[in-house]
Protein backbone atom coordinates (compact mmCIF):
# COMPACT_ATOMS: atom_id res chain seq x y z
CA MET A 1 3.50 12.80 -8.98
CA GLN A 2 6.33 11.90 -6.62
CA LEU A 3 6.13 8.19 -5.91
CA PRO A 4 6.22 7.18 -2.23
CA ASN A 5 8.67 4.64 -0.82
CA ILE A 6 6.10 2.42 0.88
CA LYS A 7 7.28 -0.13 3.44
CA ALA A 8 3.98 -0.89 5.23
CA VAL A 9 0.35 -0.89 4.12
CA PHE A 10 -2.58 -0.75 6.57
CA PHE A 11 -5.98 -2.14 5.59
CA ASP A 12 -9.41 -1.58 7.10
CA ILE A 13 -11.59 -4.70 6.82
CA ASP A 14 -15.30 -4.07 6.21
CA GLY A 15 -15.87 -2.23 2.96
CA THR A 16 -12.14 -2.18 2.22
CA LEU A 17 -10.62 -5.66 2.37
CA ILE A 18 -14.02 -7.34 2.41
CA SER A 19 -16.97 -6.48 0.21
CA PHE A 20 -20.30 -5.81 1.90
CA ASN A 21 -21.92 -7.43 -1.14
CA THR A 22 -20.01 -10.72 -1.34
CA HIS A 23 -18.59 -10.94 2.22
CA LYS A 24 -15.32 -11.97 0.58
CA VAL A 25 -11.90 -10.50 -0.15
CA PRO A 26 -11.71 -9.86 -3.91
CA GLN A 27 -9.16 -11.97 -5.76
CA SER A 28 -7.41 -8.83 -7.00
CA THR A 29 -6.89 -7.77 -3.37
CA LEU A 30 -5.47 -11.17 -2.45
CA ASP A 31 -3.11 -10.93 -5.43
CA ALA A 32 -2.08 -7.40 -4.44
CA ILE A 33 -1.31 -8.43 -0.86
CA GLN A 34 0.80 -11.33 -2.09
CA LYS A 35 2.80 -8.95 -4.31
CA LEU A 36 3.36 -6.65 -1.34
CA LYS A 37 4.59 -9.56 0.77
CA ASP A 38 6.88 -10.74 -2.04
CA LYS A 39 8.48 -7.28 -2.05
CA GLY A 40 9.00 -7.34 1.71
CA ILE A 41 6.36 -4.69 2.39
CA LYS A 42 4.57 -5.19 5.70
CA VAL A 43 0.81 -5.78 5.46
CA ILE A 44 -1.18 -4.86 8.56
CA VAL A 45 -4.88 -5.00 9.38
CA SER A 46 -6.39 -1.88 10.95
CA THR A 47 -9.93 -2.47 12.12
CA GLY A 48 -12.58 -1.59 14.65
CA ARG A 49 -13.29 -5.29 15.03
CA SER A 50 -12.30 -7.41 17.99
CA ILE A 51 -9.06 -9.39 17.82
CA ASN A 52 -11.29 -12.48 18.08
CA ASN A 53 -13.31 -11.71 14.92
CA LEU A 54 -10.50 -12.09 12.39
CA ASP A 55 -10.39 -15.83 11.70
CA HIS A 56 -11.77 -15.27 8.20
CA ILE A 57 -8.76 -13.15 7.14
CA LYS A 58 -5.88 -14.55 9.22
CA PRO A 59 -5.04 -17.20 6.58
CA ILE A 60 -3.94 -14.34 4.29
CA GLY A 61 -0.89 -13.98 6.54
CA PHE A 62 -0.74 -10.40 7.80
CA ASP A 63 2.30 -9.11 9.67
CA GLY A 64 0.23 -7.48 12.39
CA TYR A 65 -3.24 -6.52 13.55
CA SER A 66 -4.39 -3.17 14.88
CA THR A 67 -7.81 -3.92 16.38
CA PHE A 68 -10.40 -2.03 18.43
CA ASN A 69 -9.52 1.08 16.37
CA GLY A 70 -5.87 1.02 17.41
CA GLY A 71 -6.56 0.05 21.01
CA TYR A 72 -5.10 -3.46 20.81
CA CYS A 73 -2.15 -4.11 18.51
CA VAL A 74 -0.47 -7.49 18.09
CA VAL A 75 2.35 -8.78 15.89
CA GLY A 76 3.57 -12.17 14.67
CA LYS A 77 2.02 -15.63 14.69
CA ASP A 78 2.10 -15.67 18.48
CA GLU A 79 0.25 -12.32 18.49
CA THR A 80 2.64 -10.54 20.82
CA ILE A 81 0.87 -7.52 22.30
CA LEU A 82 2.44 -4.20 21.32
CA HIS A 83 -0.27 -1.89 22.64
CA ARG A 84 -3.38 -2.27 24.82
CA ALA A 85 -5.61 0.60 25.93
CA THR A 86 -8.69 0.02 28.07
CA MET A 87 -11.63 2.35 28.56
CA ASP A 88 -12.31 4.39 31.68
CA PRO A 89 -14.37 2.09 33.97
CA ALA A 90 -16.38 5.12 35.11
CA ASP A 91 -17.73 5.53 31.55
CA ILE A 92 -18.74 1.85 31.48
CA GLU A 93 -20.49 2.16 34.84
CA ARG A 94 -22.37 5.28 33.66
CA LEU A 95 -23.42 3.44 30.49
CA ILE A 96 -24.77 0.50 32.47
CA ASN A 97 -26.67 2.81 34.85
CA TYR A 98 -28.00 4.84 31.90
CA SER A 99 -29.37 1.65 30.31
CA LYS A 100 -31.43 0.92 33.42
CA HIS A 101 -33.76 3.83 32.70
CA THR A 102 -33.27 4.52 28.98
CA PRO A 103 -33.83 1.96 26.19
CA ILE A 104 -30.44 1.47 24.54
CA SER A 105 -28.37 -1.39 23.23
CA PHE A 106 -24.60 -1.68 23.36
CA SER A 107 -21.88 -4.29 23.03
CA LEU A 108 -18.91 -4.56 25.37
CA MET A 109 -15.65 -5.73 23.84
CA SER A 110 -12.51 -7.09 25.49
CA GLU A 111 -9.73 -9.25 24.07
CA LYS A 112 -11.49 -12.26 25.61
CA GLU A 113 -15.08 -11.77 24.51
CA VAL A 114 -17.78 -9.60 22.96
CA THR A 115 -21.15 -9.43 24.70
CA ILE A 116 -24.27 -7.35 24.12
CA HIS A 117 -27.02 -5.72 26.14
CA HIS A 118 -30.45 -6.02 24.52
CA ILE A 119 -30.88 -7.57 21.06
CA THR A 120 -33.37 -6.39 18.44
CA PRO A 121 -34.15 -7.71 14.93
CA GLU A 122 -32.35 -4.65 13.52
CA ILE A 123 -29.22 -5.52 15.49
CA ASP A 124 -29.38 -9.14 14.32
CA MET A 125 -29.59 -7.85 10.75
CA MET A 126 -26.62 -5.53 11.28
CA TYR A 127 -24.38 -8.35 12.47
CA GLU A 128 -25.52 -10.42 9.51
CA THR A 129 -24.49 -7.54 7.22
CA VAL A 130 -20.89 -7.78 8.47
CA ASN A 131 -21.04 -11.59 8.49
CA LEU A 132 -20.68 -11.95 12.26
CA PRO A 133 -22.83 -13.82 14.79
CA THR A 134 -24.82 -11.69 17.20
CA PRO A 135 -22.89 -11.70 20.50
CA PRO A 136 -24.30 -13.38 23.61
CA LEU A 137 -26.01 -11.29 26.26
CA VAL A 138 -23.73 -9.70 28.85
CA ASP A 139 -23.66 -11.05 32.41
CA PHE A 140 -23.32 -7.90 34.48
CA GLU A 141 -22.59 -9.90 37.64
CA THR A 142 -19.34 -11.24 36.22
CA LEU A 143 -18.42 -8.23 34.06
CA ASP A 144 -14.99 -6.71 34.66
CA THR A 145 -15.49 -3.06 33.71
CA SER A 146 -11.72 -2.46 33.77
CA SER A 147 -11.15 -4.92 30.88
CA ILE A 148 -13.26 -3.19 28.22
CA LEU A 149 -11.36 -2.03 25.14
CA GLN A 150 -14.28 -0.79 23.05
CA VAL A 151 -18.03 -0.30 23.19
CA ASN A 152 -20.43 -0.30 20.26
CA VAL A 153 -23.39 1.92 21.09
CA PHE A 154 -26.50 1.51 18.96
CA ILE A 155 -27.63 5.11 18.83
CA ALA A 156 -28.75 7.44 16.05
CA PRO A 157 -26.09 9.85 14.76
CA GLU A 158 -28.15 12.90 15.74
CA ASN A 159 -28.22 11.75 19.39
CA GLU A 160 -24.56 10.81 19.60
CA ASP A 161 -23.01 14.09 20.81
CA ALA A 162 -25.43 14.58 23.71
CA PHE A 163 -25.12 10.96 24.75
CA MET A 164 -21.33 11.03 24.76
CA ALA A 165 -21.19 14.26 26.77
CA GLU A 166 -23.60 12.93 29.40
CA VAL A 167 -22.70 9.25 29.65
CA MET A 168 -19.19 8.65 28.31
CA PRO A 169 -17.23 11.93 28.60
CA ASN A 170 -13.87 10.15 28.81
CA SER A 171 -14.39 8.41 25.48
CA ILE A 172 -14.60 9.24 21.79
CA ALA A 173 -17.13 8.00 19.22
CA THR A 174 -16.51 7.28 15.55
CA ARG A 175 -18.82 5.67 13.04
CA TRP A 176 -18.34 3.45 9.99
CA ILE A 177 -21.96 2.32 9.79
CA ALA A 178 -25.14 4.24 10.53
CA THR A 179 -26.43 1.63 13.00
CA PHE A 180 -23.90 2.20 15.77
CA ALA A 181 -20.88 4.17 16.94
CA ASP A 182 -17.53 2.68 17.92
CA VAL A 183 -16.63 4.13 21.32
CA ASN A 184 -12.99 4.09 22.44
CA PRO A 185 -10.84 5.89 25.05
CA ASN A 186 -10.23 9.58 24.38
CA GLY A 187 -7.25 9.99 22.05
CA GLN A 188 -7.64 6.51 20.60
CA SER A 189 -7.86 6.01 16.82
CA LYS A 190 -6.39 3.92 14.05
CA LYS A 191 -3.63 6.55 13.92
CA VAL A 192 -2.33 5.06 17.17
CA GLY A 193 -2.08 1.71 15.42
CA ILE A 194 0.13 3.19 12.71
CA GLU A 195 2.31 4.86 15.35
CA THR A 196 2.65 1.56 17.21
CA PHE A 197 3.73 -0.43 14.17
CA CYS A 198 6.05 2.30 12.90
CA ARG A 199 7.90 2.11 16.21
CA TYR A 200 8.02 -1.68 16.12
CA PHE A 201 9.21 -1.99 12.52
CA ASP A 202 11.38 1.16 12.72
CA LEU A 203 9.52 2.95 9.94
CA ASP A 204 8.85 6.59 9.24
CA VAL A 205 5.18 7.43 8.78
CA SER A 206 6.01 8.74 5.29
CA GLU A 207 6.72 5.09 4.37
CA THR A 208 3.16 3.99 5.16
CA MET A 209 0.00 3.70 3.11
CA ALA A 210 -3.51 3.12 4.45
CA PHE A 211 -6.84 2.10 2.92
CA GLY A 212 -10.27 2.76 4.44
CA ASP A 213 -13.89 3.67 3.80
CA GLY A 214 -15.54 4.71 7.07
CA GLY A 215 -15.51 7.49 9.62
CA ASN A 216 -13.27 5.53 11.98
CA ASP A 217 -10.65 5.45 9.19
CA ILE A 218 -10.30 9.22 8.86
CA GLU A 219 -7.53 9.75 11.43
CA MET A 220 -5.58 6.83 9.97
CA LEU A 221 -5.84 8.10 6.40
CA LYS A 222 -4.87 11.62 7.44
CA TYR A 223 -1.82 10.37 9.32
CA ALA A 224 -0.46 7.79 6.87
CA GLY A 225 2.08 8.78 4.26
CA VAL A 226 -0.58 8.05 1.64
CA GLY A 227 -4.23 7.80 2.68
CA VAL A 228 -6.49 6.05 0.16
CA ALA A 229 -10.30 6.15 0.33
CA MET A 230 -12.22 3.36 -1.33
CA GLY A 231 -14.67 4.29 -4.08
CA ASN A 232 -17.47 3.11 -1.79
CA ALA A 233 -16.26 5.35 1.08
CA ASN A 234 -18.53 7.99 2.56
CA PRO A 235 -18.01 11.57 1.31
CA ALA A 236 -16.21 12.79 4.44
CA VAL A 237 -13.57 10.08 4.02
CA LYS A 238 -13.09 10.82 0.33
CA GLU A 239 -12.77 14.54 1.00
CA MET A 240 -9.70 14.20 3.21
CA ALA A 241 -7.97 11.27 1.48
CA ASP A 242 -4.86 11.74 -0.65
CA TYR A 243 -6.39 9.55 -3.32
CA VAL A 244 -9.81 8.03 -4.04
CA THR A 245 -9.60 4.63 -5.67
CA ASP A 246 -12.30 2.38 -7.11
CA HIS A 247 -15.01 0.46 -5.27
CA VAL A 248 -13.97 -2.57 -3.21
CA ASP A 249 -15.79 -4.74 -5.78
CA LYS A 250 -13.96 -3.06 -8.68
CA ASP A 251 -10.35 -3.82 -7.72
CA GLY A 252 -9.94 -0.65 -5.65
CA ILE A 253 -6.95 -1.80 -3.61
CA TRP A 254 -5.11 -3.29 -6.59
CA ASN A 255 -5.72 -0.19 -8.72
CA ALA A 256 -4.44 2.23 -6.07
CA LEU A 257 -1.28 0.22 -5.44
CA VAL A 258 -0.63 0.14 -9.18
CA HIS A 259 -1.37 3.88 -9.44
CA TYR A 260 1.37 4.62 -6.89
CA GLN A 261 3.62 1.94 -8.40
CA VAL A 262 3.85 0.10 -5.09
CA ILE A 263 3.20 -3.15 -6.96
């Protein structure tokens, strides 16, 4: 095995950095990140979460954050914006009109806030699973449809394709949990986050490594120099990864970094 010369490592959050079982970052992962930082290797979060839902991991001291699946990238303690991509307002308007005659729930996400249309017990439970509060209800009278960076649509996987074609044709859906799909502008993915930070830090993509477990991680893992699927990843993610490590609760990140002699 030819060992890579890694200069930046990208981490998904839920199911990768943070265990779904404990809602915590394993100590081995914290130790691994510190070793990376000690070696001068950049550590960057790559998540579908909002930039405002990262307070629980910011104390770790990451060099940058790729949020909204690569749609909003910031760097440094002052969180200088490197990249910001909003959704087509026409798709948001169609979604709102669709919801007036079809029962559906969705959240609308901007860098300022996350709001939701229609809350059910199942949705409350989903937010509890990822250790987040259920967002407040959206006020459509004050909503700025041009500010939306991501939508979470609570729709069954088998209905996703037809819904996207009819309601949000200028957007793309990916899924890391069965309950909902992340919806972003066409062409947007965590790959864009890697491209953004490679330009900023003057890195070649071959010098990057990425960890993930869900469907919204696939483009990132395919693009990175080394794409690592967690042991708890879904089969589609494992199939295309360069390497499958152990479960998040069984030192998966530490073990992969040791395997490639990055730490």
